[in-house]
Amino acid sequence: MKSPIRLLRSLRTEAAVLGVALASCAALALTTPPAHADTQLCEQYGSTVIQDRYVVQNNRWGIAEEQCLGVTANGFDLTRADGSVPTNGAPKSYPSVFNGCHYTNCSPGTRLPAQLSSIHRAPSSISYRYVDNAVYDAAYDIWLDPTPRTDGVNSTEIMIWFNRVGPVQPIGSPTGHVTVGGRDWEVWTGNNGGNDVISFLAPSAIDSWSFDVMDFIDETVNRGMARPDWYLTSVQAGFEPWQGGAGLAVSSFSSSVETRSGAGGPA
């Protein structure tokens, strides 16, 4: 049998151990983030990965005011979009999600850059959420270059405008209409001082769509703005806001590349 003194010491020791354990549990509960909490991106060029295959980027390149994204499992919400820029100039940012490489930031497991002549299909899908109290476009940004570069500005930019709200327009001037992917588009072409741009404008808002990126690339090649031996370096989707923009969202996004040899996977 333990002496009263030893028994008291034993009880004190057990109480101390229990206290440390309880304190550790309390600290863990306070410091461990919720398992499914959305990531907030407010840094000017902040980015993060979703689905282990796509990169979401804040890309606030044209304005000093705050912009924040709430990153979800399948896309992002534009939670804050301060400031504005003139509607006859460049937008204030391009918050977006992409496959491929953008200024050396490459998505995990990407198959891009890939030579155009080697690509059989490049299926992609998108679901947008729009707002009315802002000036913006909702657009894909598809980049092509003569070299398999992963950094800097590419030679040709393909934009697919799913929607536009307010008095904004693409680079260049209108050059007619065309049917691509079973839809009618107004085509604009021009140069922004750094690269050639071809833009396809939908006549009315498209909320969601599944399509083949190669249909637009083939049209671009047919117009002499790229060549089959060029490379697809990235497929991006997001928004170009000029004024406001809070509440805009990419609810879901997907993209893959299927080469003529039969290989596929994230692009």
Protein backbone atom coordinates (compact mmCIF):
# COMPACT_ATOMS: atom_id res chain seq x y z
CA MET A 1 0.00 0.00 0.00
CA LYS A 2 1.23 3.52 -0.86
CA SER A 3 1.95 5.87 2.02
CA PRO A 4 -0.33 8.95 2.31
CA ILE A 5 2.51 11.16 1.05
CA ARG A 6 3.24 8.91 -1.94
CA LEU A 7 -0.49 8.63 -2.66
CA LEU A 8 -0.82 12.42 -2.63
CA ARG A 9 2.19 12.81 -4.95
CA SER A 10 0.73 10.17 -7.29
CA LEU A 11 -2.62 11.95 -7.43
CA ARG A 12 -0.91 15.28 -8.10
CA THR A 13 1.16 13.74 -10.92
CA GLU A 14 -1.90 12.16 -12.54
CA ALA A 15 -3.79 15.44 -12.27
CA ALA A 16 -0.89 17.32 -13.87
CA VAL A 17 -0.71 14.84 -16.76
CA LEU A 18 -4.47 15.08 -17.27
CA GLY A 19 -4.23 18.89 -17.23
CA VAL A 20 -1.51 18.91 -19.88
CA ALA A 21 -3.53 16.53 -22.06
CA LEU A 22 -6.66 18.66 -21.78
CA ALA A 23 -4.69 21.83 -22.53
CA SER A 24 -3.15 20.19 -25.60
CA CYS A 25 -6.56 19.15 -26.89
CA ALA A 26 -7.91 22.65 -26.35
CA ALA A 27 -4.97 24.22 -28.19
CA LEU A 28 -5.38 21.76 -31.07
CA ALA A 29 -9.08 22.60 -31.35
CA LEU A 30 -8.27 26.31 -31.51
CA THR A 31 -5.44 26.12 -34.07
CA THR A 32 -6.54 23.40 -36.51
CA PRO A 33 -8.49 24.94 -39.43
CA PRO A 34 -11.77 23.40 -40.59
CA ALA A 35 -11.08 20.53 -42.96
CA HIS A 36 -13.30 21.92 -45.71
CA ALA A 37 -12.78 25.67 -45.29
CA ASP A 38 -12.39 27.65 -48.54
CA THR A 39 -9.04 29.29 -49.24
CA GLN A 40 -8.97 33.09 -49.53
CA LEU A 41 -6.61 34.65 -52.09
CA CYS A 42 -6.00 38.38 -51.69
CA GLU A 43 -2.33 38.66 -52.70
CA GLN A 44 -1.87 40.46 -56.02
CA TYR A 45 -0.58 37.37 -57.82
CA GLY A 46 -1.60 34.77 -55.25
CA SER A 47 -2.46 31.30 -56.51
CA THR A 48 -3.43 27.87 -55.24
CA VAL A 49 -4.18 24.41 -56.63
CA ILE A 50 -7.60 22.74 -56.82
CA GLN A 51 -8.39 19.10 -57.64
CA ASP A 52 -4.62 18.45 -57.72
CA ARG A 53 -4.62 19.56 -61.36
CA TYR A 54 -5.74 23.18 -61.88
CA VAL A 55 -4.34 26.51 -60.65
CA VAL A 56 -6.59 29.32 -59.41
CA GLN A 57 -4.93 32.75 -59.60
CA ASN A 58 -5.95 36.18 -58.33
CA ASN A 59 -3.97 37.93 -61.11
CA ARG A 60 -4.75 41.52 -60.06
CA TRP A 61 -2.32 43.00 -62.55
CA GLY A 62 -3.91 46.34 -63.48
CA ILE A 63 -5.01 48.06 -60.26
CA ALA A 64 -3.78 48.71 -56.71
CA GLU A 65 -7.13 48.28 -54.95
CA GLU A 66 -8.04 45.08 -53.13
CA GLN A 67 -9.33 41.95 -54.86
CA CYS A 68 -10.00 38.62 -53.14
CA LEU A 69 -11.06 35.18 -54.29
CA GLY A 70 -12.81 32.53 -52.25
CA VAL A 71 -11.36 29.35 -53.71
CA THR A 72 -13.74 26.39 -53.80
CA ALA A 73 -13.21 22.72 -54.60
CA ASN A 74 -14.22 23.29 -58.24
CA GLY A 75 -13.49 26.96 -58.94
CA PHE A 76 -13.68 30.31 -57.18
CA ASP A 77 -15.92 33.20 -56.07
CA LEU A 78 -14.85 36.81 -56.51
CA THR A 79 -15.54 37.95 -52.94
CA ARG A 80 -14.01 41.43 -53.14
CA ALA A 81 -13.39 43.59 -56.22
CA ASP A 82 -12.57 47.17 -55.25
CA GLY A 83 -11.80 50.00 -57.65
CA SER A 84 -12.44 50.66 -61.32
CA VAL A 85 -10.62 51.56 -64.53
CA PRO A 86 -11.82 53.34 -67.70
CA THR A 87 -13.88 51.08 -69.95
CA ASN A 88 -12.00 52.21 -73.06
CA GLY A 89 -8.76 50.65 -71.79
CA ALA A 90 -7.47 47.42 -70.29
CA PRO A 91 -9.35 45.65 -67.47
CA LYS A 92 -8.13 45.75 -63.89
CA SER A 93 -7.42 42.02 -63.51
CA TYR A 94 -8.03 38.49 -64.74
CA PRO A 95 -9.02 36.24 -61.81
CA SER A 96 -9.03 32.79 -63.35
CA VAL A 97 -8.41 29.06 -63.22
CA PHE A 98 -6.10 27.33 -65.67
CA ASN A 99 -4.38 24.25 -67.01
CA GLY A 100 -0.87 24.55 -68.35
CA CYS A 101 1.77 27.17 -67.60
CA HIS A 102 1.39 30.87 -66.86
CA TYR A 103 4.59 32.85 -66.23
CA THR A 104 6.42 29.70 -64.98
CA ASN A 105 3.48 28.71 -62.74
CA CYS A 106 2.51 25.30 -64.13
CA SER A 107 -0.47 23.25 -63.01
CA PRO A 108 0.33 19.84 -61.46
CA GLY A 109 0.63 17.01 -63.97
CA THR A 110 0.10 19.32 -66.93
CA ARG A 111 0.62 17.95 -70.44
CA LEU A 112 1.19 21.44 -71.78
CA PRO A 113 2.89 22.86 -73.73
CA ALA A 114 1.77 20.47 -76.49
CA GLN A 115 2.28 20.86 -80.23
CA LEU A 116 -0.98 21.60 -82.01
CA SER A 117 -0.43 18.96 -84.68
CA SER A 118 -0.20 16.28 -81.97
CA ILE A 119 -3.52 17.16 -80.30
CA HIS A 120 -6.62 15.24 -81.35
CA ARG A 121 -9.08 16.85 -78.92
CA ALA A 122 -8.92 19.29 -76.02
CA PRO A 123 -12.31 19.00 -74.28
CA SER A 124 -13.18 21.61 -71.69
CA SER A 125 -16.23 22.59 -69.65
CA ILE A 126 -17.17 25.68 -67.66
CA SER A 127 -20.00 26.90 -65.46
CA TYR A 128 -20.18 30.64 -64.70
CA ARG A 129 -22.19 32.75 -62.26
CA TYR A 130 -22.84 36.33 -63.33
CA VAL A 131 -23.85 39.61 -61.67
CA ASP A 132 -25.52 42.71 -63.12
CA ASN A 133 -23.99 45.47 -60.97
CA ALA A 134 -20.53 45.45 -62.56
CA VAL A 135 -18.71 45.98 -65.87
CA TYR A 136 -16.82 42.90 -67.07
CA ASP A 137 -16.43 40.08 -69.53
CA ALA A 138 -16.40 36.36 -68.78
CA ALA A 139 -13.84 34.75 -71.04
CA TYR A 140 -11.54 31.88 -71.82
CA ASP A 141 -7.92 32.79 -72.51
CA ILE A 142 -6.09 30.26 -74.72
CA TRP A 143 -2.41 30.87 -75.40
CA LEU A 144 -0.38 29.74 -78.44
CA ASP A 145 3.31 30.18 -79.21
CA PRO A 146 5.85 28.96 -81.81
CA THR A 147 7.95 27.53 -78.95
CA PRO A 148 7.01 25.30 -75.98
CA ARG A 149 7.53 28.14 -73.55
CA THR A 150 6.31 28.13 -69.97
CA ASP A 151 7.06 31.78 -69.20
CA GLY A 152 6.37 35.24 -70.55
CA VAL A 153 3.93 36.45 -73.19
CA ASN A 154 2.91 34.09 -76.01
CA SER A 155 2.54 35.14 -79.64
CA THR A 156 -1.22 34.60 -80.05
CA GLU A 157 -4.07 34.88 -77.56
CA ILE A 158 -7.49 33.37 -78.25
CA MET A 159 -10.31 34.82 -76.17
CA ILE A 160 -13.80 33.31 -76.01
CA TRP A 161 -16.23 35.82 -74.53
CA PHE A 162 -19.09 33.92 -72.90
CA ASN A 163 -20.63 37.15 -71.61
CA ARG A 164 -20.05 40.88 -71.36
CA VAL A 165 -21.81 43.46 -69.21
CA GLY A 166 -21.29 47.16 -69.85
CA PRO A 167 -19.60 49.22 -72.59
CA VAL A 168 -16.50 47.06 -73.13
CA GLN A 169 -15.14 45.43 -76.26
CA PRO A 170 -12.26 43.17 -77.33
CA ILE A 171 -8.88 44.21 -78.71
CA GLY A 172 -8.93 45.33 -82.35
CA SER A 173 -11.98 45.51 -84.58
CA PRO A 174 -14.78 43.19 -85.76
CA THR A 175 -13.96 41.06 -88.80
CA GLY A 176 -17.18 39.12 -89.36
CA HIS A 177 -19.08 36.16 -87.95
CA VAL A 178 -18.31 32.45 -87.80
CA THR A 179 -19.81 29.22 -86.49
CA VAL A 180 -17.51 27.33 -84.11
CA GLY A 181 -18.55 24.44 -81.89
CA GLY A 182 -22.09 24.66 -83.22
CA ARG A 183 -22.50 28.26 -82.00
CA ASP A 184 -22.42 31.62 -83.77
CA TRP A 185 -19.70 34.10 -82.82
CA GLU A 186 -18.69 37.63 -83.74
CA VAL A 187 -14.95 37.67 -84.45
CA TRP A 188 -12.58 40.49 -83.49
CA THR A 189 -8.86 40.59 -84.33
CA GLY A 190 -6.07 42.94 -83.33
CA ASN A 191 -2.84 43.37 -81.39
CA ASN A 192 -2.47 44.65 -77.83
CA GLY A 193 1.13 45.78 -78.29
CA GLY A 194 2.57 42.52 -77.03
CA ASN A 195 0.77 39.77 -78.92
CA ASP A 196 -1.90 39.11 -81.53
CA VAL A 197 -5.43 38.61 -80.22
CA ILE A 198 -8.44 36.90 -81.78
CA SER A 199 -11.70 37.12 -79.84
CA PHE A 200 -14.94 35.19 -80.30
CA LEU A 201 -17.99 37.00 -78.85
CA ALA A 202 -21.19 35.15 -78.02
CA PRO A 203 -24.36 37.03 -79.11
CA SER A 204 -25.91 36.38 -75.68
CA ALA A 205 -24.68 35.14 -72.31
CA ILE A 206 -23.60 31.49 -72.02
CA ASP A 207 -23.90 30.24 -68.44
CA SER A 208 -22.26 26.85 -68.99
CA TRP A 209 -20.88 24.87 -71.90
CA SER A 210 -18.81 21.80 -72.77
CA PHE A 211 -16.77 22.14 -75.95
CA ASP A 212 -13.53 21.31 -77.74
CA VAL A 213 -10.85 24.00 -77.44
CA MET A 214 -9.32 22.69 -80.68
CA ASP A 215 -12.32 23.99 -82.65
CA PHE A 216 -11.26 27.55 -81.81
CA ILE A 217 -7.57 26.79 -82.34
CA ASP A 218 -8.30 25.33 -85.79
CA GLU A 219 -10.24 28.48 -86.72
CA THR A 220 -7.31 30.59 -85.54
CA VAL A 221 -4.87 28.54 -87.65
CA ASN A 222 -7.17 28.83 -90.67
CA ARG A 223 -7.04 32.63 -90.29
CA GLY A 224 -3.23 32.61 -90.35
CA MET A 225 -2.80 33.65 -86.70
CA ALA A 226 -1.04 30.41 -85.70
CA ARG A 227 0.51 27.33 -87.33
CA PRO A 228 0.07 23.58 -86.75
CA ASP A 229 3.68 23.34 -85.51
CA TRP A 230 2.98 25.91 -82.76
CA TYR A 231 2.25 24.95 -79.15
CA LEU A 232 -0.77 25.22 -76.88
CA THR A 233 0.68 26.46 -73.57
CA SER A 234 -2.37 27.09 -71.37
CA VAL A 235 -6.16 27.03 -71.21
CA GLN A 236 -7.59 29.59 -68.79
CA ALA A 237 -11.09 30.70 -67.80
CA GLY A 238 -12.19 33.62 -65.66
CA PHE A 239 -13.28 37.26 -65.71
CA GLU A 240 -11.93 40.61 -66.85
CA PRO A 241 -13.59 43.24 -64.61
CA TRP A 242 -13.41 46.97 -65.30
CA GLN A 243 -15.76 48.10 -62.53
CA GLY A 244 -16.76 46.08 -59.46
CA GLY A 245 -17.23 42.35 -59.91
CA ALA A 246 -17.91 40.98 -56.43
CA GLY A 247 -20.21 37.97 -56.69
CA LEU A 248 -18.87 36.66 -60.00
CA ALA A 249 -17.87 33.00 -59.88
CA VAL A 250 -16.50 30.07 -61.80
CA SER A 251 -18.60 27.28 -60.31
CA SER A 252 -16.81 24.49 -62.16
CA PHE A 253 -14.03 24.04 -64.70
CA SER A 254 -12.39 21.12 -66.46
CA SER A 255 -9.94 20.61 -69.28
CA SER A 256 -7.95 17.77 -70.80
CA VAL A 257 -5.86 16.99 -73.86
CA GLU A 258 -6.09 13.91 -76.06
CA THR A 259 -3.14 13.41 -78.38
CA ARG A 260 -3.29 11.58 -81.70
CA SER A 261 -1.33 8.72 -80.15
CA GLY A 262 -4.26 8.14 -77.79
CA ALA A 263 -2.78 9.61 -74.62
CA GLY A 264 -4.96 11.84 -72.49
CA GLY A 265 -5.11 13.53 -69.14
CA PRO A 266 -5.07 16.97 -67.58
CA ALA A 267 -3.74 19.65 -69.87
